[in-house]
Amino acid sequence: KGEKSMKRFATALVLLALTLTMSIGAQFIFSKKTGELITDLKSLLAAVDAGEGEEQALDKVESEWRDSKKILHILLVHRSMDEIEININSLREYLDSGDDEALRQACTEAVKTPENLRDAGKIMIENVLKIE
């Protein structure tokens, strides 16, 4: 009976370690992908402010989004994914129209969503790891 309890306890510890590893790994990937997207969006905003290189900066944002959304789709609520997608798609429309002010505004909005998601994720992981 004692041996059976030890096996169950060992199995529970292994499952706990596996769950924690997967959670921390997912948080790391999420943070990395949102960070890259935020960096690219801020580069686009800087290009808009400078008045040059907007096309290349937006190409990079769109490329990063295509790569990131494959993994973020697993980690995010679909509503958040949709909001990011809509924001990024609107950037091309504003760039093509030549409306720099609307592009600047849309870019600023596009940065906020992944920043808020990243910050919310940090708060949750800090709460889990908080030791008092």
N, C-alpha and C. Protein backbone atom coordinates (compact mmCIF):
# COMPACT_ATOMS: atom_id res chain seq x y z
N LYS A 1 0.83 -1.20 0.00
CA LYS A 1 0.00 0.00 0.00
C LYS A 1 0.87 1.26 0.00
N GLY A 2 1.94 1.27 0.78
CA GLY A 2 2.84 2.41 0.85
C GLY A 2 3.56 2.64 -0.46
N GLU A 3 3.91 1.55 -1.13
CA GLU A 3 4.60 1.65 -2.42
C GLU A 3 3.68 2.26 -3.48
N LYS A 4 2.42 1.88 -3.43
CA LYS A 4 1.43 2.42 -4.37
C LYS A 4 1.24 3.93 -4.16
N SER A 5 1.22 4.36 -2.91
CA SER A 5 1.09 5.78 -2.58
C SER A 5 2.29 6.56 -3.08
N MET A 6 3.48 5.98 -2.94
CA MET A 6 4.70 6.65 -3.41
C MET A 6 4.68 6.80 -4.93
N LYS A 7 4.19 5.79 -5.64
CA LYS A 7 4.11 5.86 -7.10
C LYS A 7 3.13 6.96 -7.51
N ARG A 8 2.01 7.04 -6.82
CA ARG A 8 1.03 8.09 -7.13
C ARG A 8 1.61 9.47 -6.85
N PHE A 9 2.32 9.58 -5.73
CA PHE A 9 2.93 10.86 -5.38
C PHE A 9 3.98 11.25 -6.42
N ALA A 10 4.81 10.31 -6.83
CA ALA A 10 5.84 10.57 -7.84
C ALA A 10 5.20 10.97 -9.17
N THR A 11 4.13 10.27 -9.53
CA THR A 11 3.41 10.60 -10.77
C THR A 11 2.84 12.01 -10.69
N ALA A 12 2.26 12.35 -9.56
CA ALA A 12 1.70 13.69 -9.37
C ALA A 12 2.79 14.75 -9.48
N LEU A 13 3.96 14.49 -8.90
CA LEU A 13 5.06 15.45 -8.99
C LEU A 13 5.54 15.62 -10.43
N VAL A 14 5.63 14.52 -11.16
CA VAL A 14 6.05 14.57 -12.56
C VAL A 14 5.03 15.38 -13.38
N LEU A 15 3.76 15.13 -13.15
CA LEU A 15 2.71 15.88 -13.86
C LEU A 15 2.74 17.37 -13.51
N LEU A 16 2.98 17.68 -12.24
CA LEU A 16 3.08 19.07 -11.81
C LEU A 16 4.27 19.74 -12.49
N ALA A 17 5.41 19.07 -12.50
CA ALA A 17 6.61 19.62 -13.14
C ALA A 17 6.38 19.82 -14.64
N LEU A 18 5.73 18.88 -15.28
CA LEU A 18 5.43 18.99 -16.70
C LEU A 18 4.49 20.16 -16.97
N THR A 19 3.47 20.31 -16.17
CA THR A 19 2.52 21.40 -16.32
C THR A 19 3.20 22.75 -16.14
N LEU A 20 4.04 22.86 -15.10
CA LEU A 20 4.75 24.12 -14.87
C LEU A 20 5.70 24.43 -16.03
N THR A 21 6.40 23.42 -16.51
CA THR A 21 7.32 23.62 -17.62
C THR A 21 6.58 24.09 -18.87
N MET A 22 5.45 23.47 -19.16
CA MET A 22 4.66 23.86 -20.33
C MET A 22 4.12 25.27 -20.16
N SER A 23 3.66 25.61 -18.97
CA SER A 23 3.11 26.95 -18.72
C SER A 23 4.18 28.02 -18.85
N ILE A 24 5.33 27.77 -18.27
CA ILE A 24 6.42 28.74 -18.36
C ILE A 24 6.90 28.86 -19.80
N GLY A 25 6.99 27.74 -20.50
CA GLY A 25 7.39 27.76 -21.91
C GLY A 25 6.41 28.55 -22.76
N ALA A 26 5.13 28.32 -22.53
CA ALA A 26 4.10 29.05 -23.28
C ALA A 26 4.18 30.55 -22.98
N GLN A 27 4.41 30.89 -21.72
CA GLN A 27 4.53 32.30 -21.35
C GLN A 27 5.75 32.93 -22.03
N PHE A 28 6.85 32.20 -22.07
CA PHE A 28 8.07 32.70 -22.71
C PHE A 28 7.83 32.94 -24.21
N ILE A 29 7.22 31.98 -24.87
CA ILE A 29 6.94 32.11 -26.31
C ILE A 29 5.98 33.28 -26.56
N PHE A 30 4.95 33.36 -25.75
CA PHE A 30 3.97 34.45 -25.87
C PHE A 30 4.66 35.80 -25.71
N SER A 31 5.49 35.92 -24.70
CA SER A 31 6.20 37.16 -24.44
C SER A 31 7.14 37.52 -25.58
N LYS A 32 7.83 36.53 -26.10
CA LYS A 32 8.78 36.75 -27.19
C LYS A 32 8.05 37.21 -28.46
N LYS A 33 6.97 36.51 -28.81
CA LYS A 33 6.24 36.84 -30.03
C LYS A 33 5.56 38.21 -29.93
N THR A 34 4.93 38.50 -28.81
CA THR A 34 4.30 39.82 -28.67
C THR A 34 5.36 40.91 -28.63
N GLY A 35 6.50 40.64 -28.01
CA GLY A 35 7.59 41.61 -27.96
C GLY A 35 8.11 41.94 -29.35
N GLU A 36 8.28 40.92 -30.18
CA GLU A 36 8.75 41.15 -31.56
C GLU A 36 7.73 41.96 -32.35
N LEU A 37 6.47 41.65 -32.16
CA LEU A 37 5.41 42.39 -32.87
C LEU A 37 5.39 43.85 -32.42
N ILE A 38 5.51 44.07 -31.13
CA ILE A 38 5.52 45.44 -30.59
C ILE A 38 6.71 46.21 -31.13
N THR A 39 7.87 45.58 -31.16
CA THR A 39 9.08 46.23 -31.68
C THR A 39 8.89 46.64 -33.14
N ASP A 40 8.34 45.73 -33.94
CA ASP A 40 8.11 46.04 -35.36
C ASP A 40 7.08 47.14 -35.54
N LEU A 41 6.04 47.14 -34.72
CA LEU A 41 5.03 48.20 -34.81
C LEU A 41 5.61 49.55 -34.41
N LYS A 42 6.47 49.55 -33.40
CA LYS A 42 7.12 50.80 -32.98
C LYS A 42 8.09 51.29 -34.06
N SER A 43 8.74 50.37 -34.75
CA SER A 43 9.62 50.75 -35.87
C SER A 43 8.80 51.38 -36.99
N LEU A 44 7.61 50.83 -37.22
CA LEU A 44 6.72 51.43 -38.23
C LEU A 44 6.32 52.83 -37.81
N LEU A 45 5.97 52.99 -36.55
CA LEU A 45 5.59 54.32 -36.04
C LEU A 45 6.74 55.30 -36.21
N ALA A 46 7.96 54.86 -35.93
CA ALA A 46 9.13 55.73 -36.11
C ALA A 46 9.33 56.08 -37.58
N ALA A 47 9.08 55.12 -38.47
CA ALA A 47 9.20 55.38 -39.91
C ALA A 47 8.15 56.40 -40.36
N VAL A 48 6.94 56.28 -39.83
CA VAL A 48 5.87 57.23 -40.16
C VAL A 48 6.28 58.63 -39.69
N ASP A 49 6.80 58.71 -38.47
CA ASP A 49 7.24 60.00 -37.94
C ASP A 49 8.38 60.60 -38.76
N ALA A 50 9.28 59.72 -39.25
CA ALA A 50 10.42 60.18 -40.05
C ALA A 50 10.01 60.51 -41.48
N GLY A 51 8.88 59.97 -41.91
CA GLY A 51 8.40 60.23 -43.27
C GLY A 51 9.08 59.40 -44.33
N GLU A 52 9.72 58.30 -43.91
CA GLU A 52 10.36 57.43 -44.90
C GLU A 52 10.49 56.01 -44.34
N GLY A 53 10.45 55.04 -45.26
CA GLY A 53 10.62 53.63 -44.89
C GLY A 53 9.37 52.96 -44.36
N GLU A 54 8.22 53.63 -44.52
CA GLU A 54 6.98 53.07 -43.98
C GLU A 54 6.63 51.73 -44.64
N GLU A 55 6.82 51.66 -45.95
CA GLU A 55 6.45 50.45 -46.70
C GLU A 55 7.24 49.23 -46.20
N GLN A 56 8.54 49.40 -46.05
CA GLN A 56 9.38 48.29 -45.59
C GLN A 56 9.04 47.91 -44.14
N ALA A 57 8.82 48.92 -43.32
CA ALA A 57 8.48 48.67 -41.91
C ALA A 57 7.15 47.93 -41.80
N LEU A 58 6.18 48.32 -42.63
CA LEU A 58 4.88 47.64 -42.60
C LEU A 58 5.01 46.22 -43.14
N ASP A 59 5.82 46.02 -44.16
CA ASP A 59 6.06 44.65 -44.66
C ASP A 59 6.59 43.77 -43.54
N LYS A 60 7.50 44.33 -42.74
CA LYS A 60 8.07 43.56 -41.63
C LYS A 60 7.01 43.25 -40.57
N VAL A 61 6.15 44.22 -40.26
CA VAL A 61 5.06 44.00 -39.30
C VAL A 61 4.16 42.87 -39.80
N GLU A 62 3.76 42.95 -41.07
CA GLU A 62 2.86 41.94 -41.63
C GLU A 62 3.52 40.56 -41.64
N SER A 63 4.80 40.50 -41.95
CA SER A 63 5.52 39.23 -41.96
C SER A 63 5.60 38.66 -40.54
N GLU A 64 5.93 39.52 -39.59
CA GLU A 64 6.01 39.08 -38.18
C GLU A 64 4.64 38.59 -37.71
N TRP A 65 3.59 39.28 -38.09
CA TRP A 65 2.24 38.87 -37.69
C TRP A 65 1.89 37.50 -38.28
N ARG A 66 2.21 37.29 -39.55
CA ARG A 66 1.93 35.98 -40.17
C ARG A 66 2.66 34.86 -39.43
N ASP A 67 3.90 35.11 -39.05
CA ASP A 67 4.67 34.10 -38.32
C ASP A 67 4.15 33.92 -36.90
N SER A 68 3.83 35.02 -36.24
CA SER A 68 3.43 34.98 -34.84
C SER A 68 2.04 34.41 -34.63
N LYS A 69 1.13 34.70 -35.56
CA LYS A 69 -0.26 34.31 -35.30
C LYS A 69 -0.44 32.80 -35.29
N LYS A 70 0.46 32.07 -35.92
CA LYS A 70 0.37 30.60 -35.89
C LYS A 70 0.46 30.08 -34.45
N ILE A 71 1.39 30.63 -33.68
CA ILE A 71 1.56 30.18 -32.30
C ILE A 71 0.64 30.94 -31.35
N LEU A 72 0.44 32.23 -31.60
CA LEU A 72 -0.41 33.01 -30.71
C LEU A 72 -1.86 32.54 -30.76
N HIS A 73 -2.26 31.96 -31.89
CA HIS A 73 -3.61 31.42 -32.03
C HIS A 73 -3.89 30.38 -30.93
N ILE A 74 -2.87 29.65 -30.55
CA ILE A 74 -3.01 28.63 -29.51
C ILE A 74 -3.09 29.27 -28.13
N LEU A 75 -2.40 30.39 -27.94
CA LEU A 75 -2.24 30.98 -26.61
C LEU A 75 -3.21 32.11 -26.28
N LEU A 76 -3.89 32.66 -27.29
CA LEU A 76 -4.73 33.83 -27.07
C LEU A 76 -6.21 33.54 -27.30
N VAL A 77 -7.02 34.36 -26.67
CA VAL A 77 -8.46 34.34 -26.91
C VAL A 77 -8.68 34.87 -28.33
N HIS A 78 -9.59 34.26 -29.06
CA HIS A 78 -9.82 34.64 -30.46
C HIS A 78 -10.17 36.11 -30.63
N ARG A 79 -10.87 36.68 -29.68
CA ARG A 79 -11.24 38.10 -29.77
C ARG A 79 -9.99 38.98 -29.82
N SER A 80 -8.98 38.63 -29.02
CA SER A 80 -7.72 39.39 -29.03
C SER A 80 -7.01 39.22 -30.36
N MET A 81 -7.01 38.01 -30.89
CA MET A 81 -6.39 37.76 -32.19
C MET A 81 -7.08 38.59 -33.27
N ASP A 82 -8.40 38.61 -33.24
CA ASP A 82 -9.16 39.37 -34.23
C ASP A 82 -8.84 40.86 -34.15
N GLU A 83 -8.72 41.37 -32.92
CA GLU A 83 -8.44 42.79 -32.73
C GLU A 83 -7.06 43.15 -33.30
N ILE A 84 -6.07 42.32 -33.04
CA ILE A 84 -4.73 42.56 -33.57
C ILE A 84 -4.76 42.48 -35.10
N GLU A 85 -5.43 41.47 -35.62
CA GLU A 85 -5.52 41.28 -37.08
C GLU A 85 -6.17 42.49 -37.76
N ILE A 86 -7.26 42.96 -37.20
CA ILE A 86 -7.96 44.12 -37.76
C ILE A 86 -7.05 45.35 -37.73
N ASN A 87 -6.36 45.56 -36.61
CA ASN A 87 -5.47 46.70 -36.49
C ASN A 87 -4.35 46.65 -37.53
N ILE A 88 -3.75 45.49 -37.69
CA ILE A 88 -2.64 45.35 -38.64
C ILE A 88 -3.14 45.51 -40.08
N ASN A 89 -4.29 44.93 -40.40
CA ASN A 89 -4.84 45.08 -41.75
C ASN A 89 -5.18 46.53 -42.07
N SER A 90 -5.62 47.27 -41.08
CA SER A 90 -5.97 48.68 -41.33
C SER A 90 -4.73 49.51 -41.64
N LEU A 91 -3.58 49.09 -41.16
CA LEU A 91 -2.35 49.85 -41.41
C LEU A 91 -2.05 49.96 -42.89
N ARG A 92 -2.23 48.87 -43.63
CA ARG A 92 -1.97 48.86 -45.07
C ARG A 92 -2.92 49.83 -45.78
N GLU A 93 -4.19 49.83 -45.36
CA GLU A 93 -5.16 50.72 -45.97
C GLU A 93 -4.77 52.19 -45.78
N TYR A 94 -4.35 52.54 -44.56
CA TYR A 94 -3.96 53.92 -44.29
C TYR A 94 -2.68 54.30 -45.03
N LEU A 95 -1.74 53.36 -45.12
CA LEU A 95 -0.50 53.63 -45.85
C LEU A 95 -0.80 53.87 -47.33
N ASP A 96 -1.64 53.00 -47.89
CA ASP A 96 -1.99 53.13 -49.31
C ASP A 96 -2.76 54.43 -49.60
N SER A 97 -3.54 54.90 -48.64
CA SER A 97 -4.31 56.13 -48.85
C SER A 97 -3.45 57.38 -48.72
N GLY A 98 -2.26 57.22 -48.12
CA GLY A 98 -1.37 58.38 -47.95
C GLY A 98 -1.73 59.27 -46.77
N ASP A 99 -2.66 58.81 -45.92
CA ASP A 99 -3.08 59.58 -44.76
C ASP A 99 -2.15 59.27 -43.59
N ASP A 100 -1.07 60.05 -43.48
CA ASP A 100 -0.06 59.79 -42.45
C ASP A 100 -0.60 59.92 -41.03
N GLU A 101 -1.48 60.87 -40.82
CA GLU A 101 -2.02 61.05 -39.46
C GLU A 101 -2.88 59.85 -39.06
N ALA A 102 -3.72 59.38 -39.98
CA ALA A 102 -4.54 58.19 -39.69
C ALA A 102 -3.65 56.97 -39.50
N LEU A 103 -2.58 56.86 -40.29
CA LEU A 103 -1.63 55.76 -40.15
C LEU A 103 -0.95 55.81 -38.79
N ARG A 104 -0.54 56.99 -38.38
CA ARG A 104 0.11 57.17 -37.07
C ARG A 104 -0.83 56.76 -35.95
N GLN A 105 -2.08 57.18 -36.05
CA GLN A 105 -3.08 56.86 -35.03
C GLN A 105 -3.35 55.35 -35.00
N ALA A 106 -3.51 54.75 -36.17
CA ALA A 106 -3.78 53.31 -36.25
C ALA A 106 -2.59 52.51 -35.73
N CYS A 107 -1.40 52.99 -36.01
CA CYS A 107 -0.18 52.31 -35.54
C CYS A 107 -0.10 52.37 -34.02
N THR A 108 -0.40 53.52 -33.46
CA THR A 108 -0.40 53.68 -32.00
C THR A 108 -1.41 52.73 -31.37
N GLU A 109 -2.60 52.63 -31.97
CA GLU A 109 -3.62 51.69 -31.49
C GLU A 109 -3.15 50.24 -31.62
N ALA A 110 -2.50 49.95 -32.74
CA ALA A 110 -2.04 48.58 -33.00
C ALA A 110 -1.00 48.15 -31.99
N VAL A 111 -0.20 49.08 -31.47
CA VAL A 111 0.81 48.76 -30.46
C VAL A 111 0.16 48.45 -29.12
N LYS A 112 -0.93 49.13 -28.81
CA LYS A 112 -1.56 49.01 -27.48
C LYS A 112 -2.06 47.60 -27.20
N THR A 113 -2.69 46.96 -28.16
CA THR A 113 -3.29 45.65 -27.90
C THR A 113 -2.26 44.60 -27.49
N PRO A 114 -1.19 44.38 -28.27
CA PRO A 114 -0.22 43.38 -27.81
C PRO A 114 0.51 43.81 -26.53
N GLU A 115 0.71 45.13 -26.34
CA GLU A 115 1.33 45.58 -25.09
C GLU A 115 0.45 45.23 -23.89
N ASN A 116 -0.85 45.49 -24.01
CA ASN A 116 -1.77 45.17 -22.92
C ASN A 116 -1.81 43.67 -22.65
N LEU A 117 -1.82 42.88 -23.72
CA LEU A 117 -1.84 41.42 -23.55
C LEU A 117 -0.55 40.93 -22.90
N ARG A 118 0.58 41.47 -23.34
CA ARG A 118 1.87 41.08 -22.76
C ARG A 118 1.93 41.46 -21.29
N ASP A 119 1.48 42.68 -20.97
CA ASP A 119 1.52 43.14 -19.58
C ASP A 119 0.59 42.32 -18.70
N ALA A 120 -0.57 41.96 -19.21
CA ALA A 120 -1.51 41.13 -18.45
C ALA A 120 -0.90 39.75 -18.19
N GLY A 121 -0.20 39.22 -19.17
CA GLY A 121 0.47 37.93 -19.00
C GLY A 121 1.55 37.98 -17.96
N LYS A 122 2.31 39.08 -17.92
CA LYS A 122 3.36 39.23 -16.91
C LYS A 122 2.76 39.27 -15.51
N ILE A 123 1.68 39.99 -15.37
CA ILE A 123 1.03 40.09 -14.06
C ILE A 123 0.60 38.72 -13.59
N MET A 124 0.02 37.93 -14.48
CA MET A 124 -0.45 36.59 -14.09
C MET A 124 0.71 35.71 -13.67
N ILE A 125 1.81 35.69 -14.43
CA ILE A 125 2.93 34.81 -14.09
C ILE A 125 3.60 35.28 -12.81
N GLU A 126 3.66 36.61 -12.60
CA GLU A 126 4.24 37.12 -11.36
C GLU A 126 3.38 36.70 -10.17
N ASN A 127 2.07 36.70 -10.33
CA ASN A 127 1.19 36.27 -9.25
C ASN A 127 1.38 34.80 -8.92
N VAL A 128 1.59 33.98 -9.95
CA VAL A 128 1.79 32.54 -9.75
C VAL A 128 3.11 32.30 -9.02
N LEU A 129 4.14 33.04 -9.40
CA LEU A 129 5.47 32.80 -8.84
C LEU A 129 5.75 33.59 -7.59
N LYS A 130 4.81 34.43 -7.17
CA LYS A 130 5.00 35.26 -5.98
C LYS A 130 5.10 34.38 -4.73
N ILE A 131 6.15 34.63 -3.98
CA ILE A 131 6.35 33.91 -2.71
C ILE A 131 6.33 34.92 -1.59
N GLU A 132 5.48 34.66 -0.62
CA GLU A 132 5.37 35.60 0.50
C GLU A 132 5.95 35.01 1.75
